[in-house]
C-alpha cells in the first residue's frame, strides 16, 4: 500500500513538474512606454544612407545618454512621454531579462516608428524598416527568430530610429512565450516523494 502511494505521489509530481516546464506563457519582455536610455543626433543623417546603416553607424560607447519613457515624439495624434525633435535621429538602448529559457517559438516585435527603425539585440540586427508618413500603434508587427541572439538572463537591445521631417514618434513592445519557473512547492513535493521512496526501499532491504 505504501509503495503504491509513493509511486502515485512521485508520478503526479513529475507530471506536474514536467508540464510546468513545457507549457509556455505569453510574457512581455519590453512594455509599451517603457524606460529607455536615449540620445538625439543629426550627423550623420541616417536617412541619407539608410541602406547601409548598421550598429556601427552610431558611437554607442561615447554617447551622452538621457533617460525617458517611450513613446518618443513631437506629434499630437499619439500619446508620447519624451520629446524627439523632427528631422533628427534617435539612438536608444535598454536591457531586459529573460527569467527562464528557452523561449518557445518566435518573439513578437511591435514597433511604431516615424520614419524608420533598426533593432539590434546583443549586437545582432534583427529588424529594419522605413516608411513615409506618420505612424500608428502598432504599424509594424514582426515575428523574430530568437535562437541566434537571445539567451536566459540579461539581454541588451539597441535601436536606431530616424525621422526626415514633420512629426516624429517611436515606441516598441517585445513579447515571447516563456516556460514558467516551477513553483517552490512543486519542487519540494518532488523532493519529498523521492526521499520517501528511498526510505521505503531501504526499509524493504533491511
C-alpha atoms as a PDB file:
ATOM      1  CA  UNK A   1       0.000   0.000   0.000  1.00  0.00           C
ATOM      2  CA  UNK A   2       2.801   2.422   0.938  1.00  0.00           C
ATOM      3  CA  UNK A   3       4.654   1.591  -2.265  1.00  0.00           C
ATOM      4  CA  UNK A   4       1.600   2.380  -4.394  1.00  0.00           C
ATOM      5  CA  UNK A   5       1.069   5.669  -2.548  1.00  0.00           C
ATOM      6  CA  UNK A   6       4.666   6.753  -3.067  1.00  0.00           C
ATOM      7  CA  UNK A   7       4.654   5.780  -6.743  1.00  0.00           C
ATOM      8  CA  UNK A   8       1.409   7.704  -7.277  1.00  0.00           C
ATOM      9  CA  UNK A   9       2.812  10.746  -5.464  1.00  0.00           C
ATOM     10  CA  UNK A  10       6.028  10.780  -7.473  1.00  0.00           C
ATOM     11  CA  UNK A  11       4.256  10.171 -10.781  1.00  0.00           C
ATOM     12  CA  UNK A  12       1.833  13.034 -10.167  1.00  0.00           C
ATOM     13  CA  UNK A  13       4.623  15.337  -9.048  1.00  0.00           C
ATOM     14  CA  UNK A  14       6.809  14.534 -12.042  1.00  0.00           C
ATOM     15  CA  UNK A  15       3.873  15.139 -14.355  1.00  0.00           C
ATOM     16  CA  UNK A  16       3.142  18.493 -12.735  1.00  0.00           C
ATOM     17  CA  UNK A  17       6.825  19.442 -12.804  1.00  0.00           C
ATOM     18  CA  UNK A  18       7.350  18.488 -16.462  1.00  0.00           C
ATOM     19  CA  UNK A  19       4.085  20.099 -17.524  1.00  0.00           C
ATOM     20  CA  UNK A  20       5.092  23.347 -15.813  1.00  0.00           C
ATOM     21  CA  UNK A  21       8.363  23.337 -17.712  1.00  0.00           C
ATOM     22  CA  UNK A  22       6.802  22.515 -21.072  1.00  0.00           C
ATOM     23  CA  UNK A  23       3.916  24.958 -21.093  1.00  0.00           C
ATOM     24  CA  UNK A  24       4.969  28.463 -22.053  1.00  0.00           C
ATOM     25  CA  UNK A  25       3.025  31.574 -21.152  1.00  0.00           C
ATOM     26  CA  UNK A  26       2.901  34.912 -23.034  1.00  0.00           C
ATOM     27  CA  UNK A  27       5.474  37.166 -21.375  1.00  0.00           C
ATOM     28  CA  UNK A  28       6.134  40.850 -22.047  1.00  0.00           C
ATOM     29  CA  UNK A  29       9.877  41.420 -22.240  1.00  0.00           C
ATOM     30  CA  UNK A  30       9.683  45.114 -23.191  1.00  0.00           C
ATOM     31  CA  UNK A  31       6.478  47.007 -22.392  1.00  0.00           C
ATOM     32  CA  UNK A  32       4.873  49.780 -24.397  1.00  0.00           C
ATOM     33  CA  UNK A  33       6.002  53.092 -22.922  1.00  0.00           C
ATOM     34  CA  UNK A  34       8.907  51.564 -21.007  1.00  0.00           C
ATOM     35  CA  UNK A  35      12.026  53.481 -19.964  1.00  0.00           C
ATOM     36  CA  UNK A  36      14.996  53.801 -22.337  1.00  0.00           C
ATOM     37  CA  UNK A  37      18.373  55.464 -22.441  1.00  0.00           C
ATOM     38  CA  UNK A  38      18.376  57.728 -25.480  1.00  0.00           C
ATOM     39  CA  UNK A  39      20.292  60.390 -27.399  1.00  0.00           C
ATOM     40  CA  UNK A  40      19.096  62.547 -30.288  1.00  0.00           C
ATOM     41  CA  UNK A  41      21.586  63.249 -33.070  1.00  0.00           C
ATOM     42  CA  UNK A  42      21.574  64.686 -36.578  1.00  0.00           C
ATOM     43  CA  UNK A  43      25.042  63.946 -38.009  1.00  0.00           C
ATOM     44  CA  UNK A  44      25.498  61.731 -39.851  1.00  0.00           C
ATOM     45  CA  UNK A  45      21.897  61.687 -41.060  1.00  0.00           C
ATOM     46  CA  UNK A  46      20.781  58.054 -41.148  1.00  0.00           C
ATOM     47  CA  UNK A  47      18.204  58.669 -43.852  1.00  0.00           C
ATOM     48  CA  UNK A  48      20.822  59.827 -46.381  1.00  0.00           C
ATOM     49  CA  UNK A  49      22.464  56.383 -46.348  1.00  0.00           C
ATOM     50  CA  UNK A  50      19.660  54.235 -44.955  1.00  0.00           C
ATOM     51  CA  UNK A  51      20.561  51.125 -46.932  1.00  0.00           C
ATOM     52  CA  UNK A  52      23.983  50.949 -45.281  1.00  0.00           C
ATOM     53  CA  UNK A  53      23.029  51.886 -41.734  1.00  0.00           C
ATOM     54  CA  UNK A  54      24.104  49.360 -39.100  1.00  0.00           C
ATOM     55  CA  UNK A  55      25.165  49.125 -35.473  1.00  0.00           C
ATOM     56  CA  UNK A  56      28.414  50.990 -36.136  1.00  0.00           C
ATOM     57  CA  UNK A  57      26.531  53.998 -37.561  1.00  0.00           C
ATOM     58  CA  UNK A  58      26.327  55.407 -34.031  1.00  0.00           C
ATOM     59  CA  UNK A  59      29.052  55.745 -31.380  1.00  0.00           C
ATOM     60  CA  UNK A  60      27.343  53.791 -28.590  1.00  0.00           C
ATOM     61  CA  UNK A  61      30.347  53.756 -26.275  1.00  0.00           C
ATOM     62  CA  UNK A  62      30.693  57.546 -26.108  1.00  0.00           C
ATOM     63  CA  UNK A  63      27.035  58.538 -26.163  1.00  0.00           C
ATOM     64  CA  UNK A  64      25.688  61.069 -23.657  1.00  0.00           C
ATOM     65  CA  UNK A  65      22.571  59.279 -22.506  1.00  0.00           C
ATOM     66  CA  UNK A  66      19.362  60.785 -21.218  1.00  0.00           C
ATOM     67  CA  UNK A  67      16.572  58.649 -19.754  1.00  0.00           C
ATOM     68  CA  UNK A  68      12.932  58.791 -20.787  1.00  0.00           C
ATOM     69  CA  UNK A  69       9.818  56.775 -21.402  1.00  0.00           C
ATOM     70  CA  UNK A  70       8.610  55.750 -24.859  1.00  0.00           C
ATOM     71  CA  UNK A  71       6.856  56.788 -26.953  1.00  0.00           C
ATOM     72  CA  UNK A  72       9.160  59.449 -28.146  1.00  0.00           C
ATOM     73  CA  UNK A  73       7.670  62.107 -30.383  1.00  0.00           C
ATOM     74  CA  UNK A  74       6.539  65.631 -31.114  1.00  0.00           C
ATOM     75  CA  UNK A  75       3.149  64.835 -32.673  1.00  0.00           C
ATOM     76  CA  UNK A  76      -0.268  65.260 -31.106  1.00  0.00           C
ATOM     77  CA  UNK A  77      -2.178  62.338 -32.655  1.00  0.00           C
ATOM     78  CA  UNK A  78      -0.472  59.738 -30.445  1.00  0.00           C
ATOM     79  CA  UNK A  79       0.411  59.864 -26.759  1.00  0.00           C
ATOM     80  CA  UNK A  80       4.095  60.310 -26.019  1.00  0.00           C
ATOM     81  CA  UNK A  81       6.286  60.855 -22.984  1.00  0.00           C
ATOM     82  CA  UNK A  82       9.647  62.020 -24.338  1.00  0.00           C
ATOM     83  CA  UNK A  83      10.326  64.775 -26.860  1.00  0.00           C
ATOM     84  CA  UNK A  84      12.011  63.861 -30.156  1.00  0.00           C
ATOM     85  CA  UNK A  85      12.864  66.818 -32.377  1.00  0.00           C
ATOM     86  CA  UNK A  86      11.771  66.497 -36.020  1.00  0.00           C
ATOM     87  CA  UNK A  87      14.387  65.888 -38.677  1.00  0.00           C
ATOM     88  CA  UNK A  88      16.800  64.200 -36.256  1.00  0.00           C
ATOM     89  CA  UNK A  89      17.758  60.635 -35.457  1.00  0.00           C
ATOM     90  CA  UNK A  90      17.373  58.790 -32.188  1.00  0.00           C
ATOM     91  CA  UNK A  91      19.606  56.146 -30.585  1.00  0.00           C
ATOM     92  CA  UNK A  92      18.026  54.116 -27.807  1.00  0.00           C
ATOM     93  CA  UNK A  93      19.123  51.251 -25.614  1.00  0.00           C
ATOM     94  CA  UNK A  94      17.926  49.257 -22.620  1.00  0.00           C
ATOM     95  CA  UNK A  95      18.390  45.864 -21.014  1.00  0.00           C
ATOM     96  CA  UNK A  96      15.690  43.288 -20.494  1.00  0.00           C
ATOM     97  CA  UNK A  97      15.725  39.966 -18.678  1.00  0.00           C
ATOM     98  CA  UNK A  98      14.679  36.513 -19.806  1.00  0.00           C
ATOM     99  CA  UNK A  99      13.680  34.888 -16.477  1.00  0.00           C
ATOM    100  CA  UNK A 100      13.893  31.297 -17.773  1.00  0.00           C
ATOM    101  CA  UNK A 101      14.734  29.656 -21.044  1.00  0.00           C
ATOM    102  CA  UNK A 102      14.441  28.715 -23.727  1.00  0.00           C
ATOM    103  CA  UNK A 103      11.734  30.796 -25.369  1.00  0.00           C
ATOM    104  CA  UNK A 104       9.216  28.703 -27.313  1.00  0.00           C
ATOM    105  CA  UNK A 105       8.914  29.832 -30.937  1.00  0.00           C
ATOM    106  CA  UNK A 106       9.347  33.305 -32.331  1.00  0.00           C
ATOM    107  CA  UNK A 107       9.310  36.590 -30.450  1.00  0.00           C
ATOM    108  CA  UNK A 108       6.707  39.177 -31.413  1.00  0.00           C
ATOM    109  CA  UNK A 109       8.120  42.655 -32.016  1.00  0.00           C
ATOM    110  CA  UNK A 110       5.623  45.532 -32.234  1.00  0.00           C
ATOM    111  CA  UNK A 111       7.015  48.856 -33.465  1.00  0.00           C
ATOM    112  CA  UNK A 112       5.656  52.325 -34.142  1.00  0.00           C
ATOM    113  CA  UNK A 113       8.244  54.464 -35.917  1.00  0.00           C
ATOM    114  CA  UNK A 114       8.239  57.673 -37.911  1.00  0.00           C
ATOM    115  CA  UNK A 115      10.001  57.223 -40.143  1.00  0.00           C
ATOM    116  CA  UNK A 116      12.390  54.262 -39.804  1.00  0.00           C
ATOM    117  CA  UNK A 117      13.930  51.908 -37.257  1.00  0.00           C
ATOM    118  CA  UNK A 118      16.692  49.324 -36.932  1.00  0.00           C
ATOM    119  CA  UNK A 119      16.740  46.936 -33.963  1.00  0.00           C
ATOM    120  CA  UNK A 120      19.787  45.112 -32.594  1.00  0.00           C
ATOM    121  CA  UNK A 121      19.774  42.551 -29.778  1.00  0.00           C
ATOM    122  CA  UNK A 122      23.114  41.614 -28.226  1.00  0.00           C
ATOM    123  CA  UNK A 123      24.838  43.222 -31.201  1.00  0.00           C
ATOM    124  CA  UNK A 124      22.877  41.356 -33.893  1.00  0.00           C
ATOM    125  CA  UNK A 125      20.489  43.175 -36.236  1.00  0.00           C
ATOM    126  CA  UNK A 126      17.046  41.579 -36.008  1.00  0.00           C
ATOM    127  CA  UNK A 127      14.755  44.058 -37.799  1.00  0.00           C
ATOM    128  CA  UNK A 128      14.916  47.071 -40.132  1.00  0.00           C
ATOM    129  CA  UNK A 129      12.190  49.041 -41.909  1.00  0.00           C
ATOM    130  CA  UNK A 130      11.289  52.536 -43.096  1.00  0.00           C
ATOM    131  CA  UNK A 131       8.084  54.124 -44.375  1.00  0.00           C
ATOM    132  CA  UNK A 132       6.851  57.564 -45.343  1.00  0.00           C
ATOM    133  CA  UNK A 133       4.008  59.260 -43.498  1.00  0.00           C
ATOM    134  CA  UNK A 134       3.085  59.386 -39.821  1.00  0.00           C
ATOM    135  CA  UNK A 135       2.894  56.140 -37.856  1.00  0.00           C
ATOM    136  CA  UNK A 136       0.294  54.328 -35.779  1.00  0.00           C
ATOM    137  CA  UNK A 137       0.222  51.816 -32.928  1.00  0.00           C
ATOM    138  CA  UNK A 138       1.347  49.254 -33.982  1.00  0.00           C
ATOM    139  CA  UNK A 139       2.421  49.989 -37.552  1.00  0.00           C
ATOM    140  CA  UNK A 140       4.773  47.006 -37.607  1.00  0.00           C
ATOM    141  CA  UNK A 141       4.176  43.538 -36.103  1.00  0.00           C
ATOM    142  CA  UNK A 142       7.127  41.239 -36.786  1.00  0.00           C
ATOM    143  CA  UNK A 143       7.880  37.625 -35.912  1.00  0.00           C
ATOM    144  CA  UNK A 144      11.508  37.480 -34.771  1.00  0.00           C
ATOM    145  CA  UNK A 145      13.503  34.251 -34.614  1.00  0.00           C
ATOM    146  CA  UNK A 146      15.038  34.239 -31.132  1.00  0.00           C
ATOM    147  CA  UNK A 147      17.552  31.399 -31.448  1.00  0.00           C
ATOM    148  CA  UNK A 148      20.626  33.193 -32.866  1.00  0.00           C
ATOM    149  CA  UNK A 149      20.834  36.011 -30.370  1.00  0.00           C
ATOM    150  CA  UNK A 150      18.698  35.663 -27.243  1.00  0.00           C
ATOM    151  CA  UNK A 151      19.799  33.999 -24.000  1.00  0.00           C
ATOM    152  CA  UNK A 152      18.379  33.489 -20.485  1.00  0.00           C
ATOM    153  CA  UNK A 153      19.403  36.339 -18.198  1.00  0.00           C
ATOM    154  CA  UNK A 154      20.155  39.922 -19.173  1.00  0.00           C
ATOM    155  CA  UNK A 155      19.995  40.979 -22.838  1.00  0.00           C
ATOM    156  CA  UNK A 156      20.787  44.323 -24.474  1.00  0.00           C
ATOM    157  CA  UNK A 157      18.504  45.865 -27.094  1.00  0.00           C
ATOM    158  CA  UNK A 158      19.670  48.873 -29.134  1.00  0.00           C
ATOM    159  CA  UNK A 159      17.616  50.857 -31.636  1.00  0.00           C
ATOM    160  CA  UNK A 160      18.406  53.468 -34.265  1.00  0.00           C
ATOM    161  CA  UNK A 161      15.299  55.458 -35.249  1.00  0.00           C
ATOM    162  CA  UNK A 162      15.243  58.133 -37.944  1.00  0.00           C
ATOM    163  CA  UNK A 163      12.951  60.965 -38.923  1.00  0.00           C
ATOM    164  CA  UNK A 164      13.203  63.108 -42.037  1.00  0.00           C
ATOM    165  CA  UNK A 165      10.606  65.771 -41.390  1.00  0.00           C
ATOM    166  CA  UNK A 166       7.342  66.780 -39.703  1.00  0.00           C
ATOM    167  CA  UNK A 167       6.012  64.764 -36.764  1.00  0.00           C
ATOM    168  CA  UNK A 168       8.031  62.066 -35.050  1.00  0.00           C
ATOM    169  CA  UNK A 169       7.140  59.044 -32.977  1.00  0.00           C
ATOM    170  CA  UNK A 170       8.734  55.880 -31.627  1.00  0.00           C
ATOM    171  CA  UNK A 171       7.540  53.116 -29.296  1.00  0.00           C
ATOM    172  CA  UNK A 172       8.169  49.391 -29.081  1.00  0.00           C
ATOM    173  CA  UNK A 173       6.915  46.228 -27.408  1.00  0.00           C
ATOM    174  CA  UNK A 174       8.581  42.802 -27.308  1.00  0.00           C
ATOM    175  CA  UNK A 175       6.800  39.629 -26.187  1.00  0.00           C
ATOM    176  CA  UNK A 176       7.520  35.898 -26.210  1.00  0.00           C
ATOM    177  CA  UNK A 177       6.230  32.591 -24.876  1.00  0.00           C
ATOM    178  CA  UNK A 178       8.389  31.557 -21.925  1.00  0.00           C
ATOM    179  CA  UNK A 179       8.097  28.428 -19.742  1.00  0.00           C
ATOM    180  CA  UNK A 180       7.317  29.437 -16.147  1.00  0.00           C
ATOM    181  CA  UNK A 181       9.715  28.796 -13.280  1.00  0.00           C
ATOM    182  CA  UNK A 182       8.483  25.760 -11.283  1.00  0.00           C
ATOM    183  CA  UNK A 183       6.878  26.796  -8.004  1.00  0.00           C
ATOM    184  CA  UNK A 184       8.892  26.004  -4.850  1.00  0.00           C
ATOM    185  CA  UNK A 185       6.027  23.850  -3.565  1.00  0.00           C
ATOM    186  CA  UNK A 186       6.216  21.631  -6.635  1.00  0.00           C
ATOM    187  CA  UNK A 187       9.956  21.153  -6.227  1.00  0.00           C
ATOM    188  CA  UNK A 188       9.556  20.367  -2.509  1.00  0.00           C
ATOM    189  CA  UNK A 189       6.802  17.885  -3.285  1.00  0.00           C
ATOM    190  CA  UNK A 190       9.022  16.116  -5.797  1.00  0.00           C
ATOM    191  CA  UNK A 191      11.885  16.025  -3.301  1.00  0.00           C
ATOM    192  CA  UNK A 192       9.647  14.673  -0.546  1.00  0.00           C
ATOM    193  CA  UNK A 193       8.395  11.918  -2.818  1.00  0.00           C
ATOM    194  CA  UNK A 194      11.901  10.878  -3.823  1.00  0.00           C
ATOM    195  CA  UNK A 195      13.089  10.878  -0.198  1.00  0.00           C
ATOM    196  CA  UNK A 196      10.059   8.823   0.820  1.00  0.00           C
ATOM    197  CA  UNK A 197      10.665   6.270  -1.915  1.00  0.00           C
ATOM    198  CA  UNK A 198      14.325   5.977  -0.939  1.00  0.00           C
ATOM    199  CA  UNK A 199      13.380   5.437   2.718  1.00  0.00           C
ATOM    200  CA  UNK A 200      10.827   2.791   1.798  1.00  0.00           C
ATOM    201  CA  UNK A 201      13.354   0.908  -0.354  1.00  0.00           C
ATOM    202  CA  UNK A 202      15.898   0.966   2.477  1.00  0.00           C
ATOM    203  CA  UNK A 203      13.316  -0.433   4.895  1.00  0.00           C
ATOM    204  CA  UNK A 204      12.482  -3.243   2.490  1.00  0.00           C
ATOM    205  CA  UNK A 205      16.166  -4.191   2.203  1.00  0.00           C
ATOM    206  CA  UNK A 206      16.697  -4.347   5.965  1.00  0.00           C
END
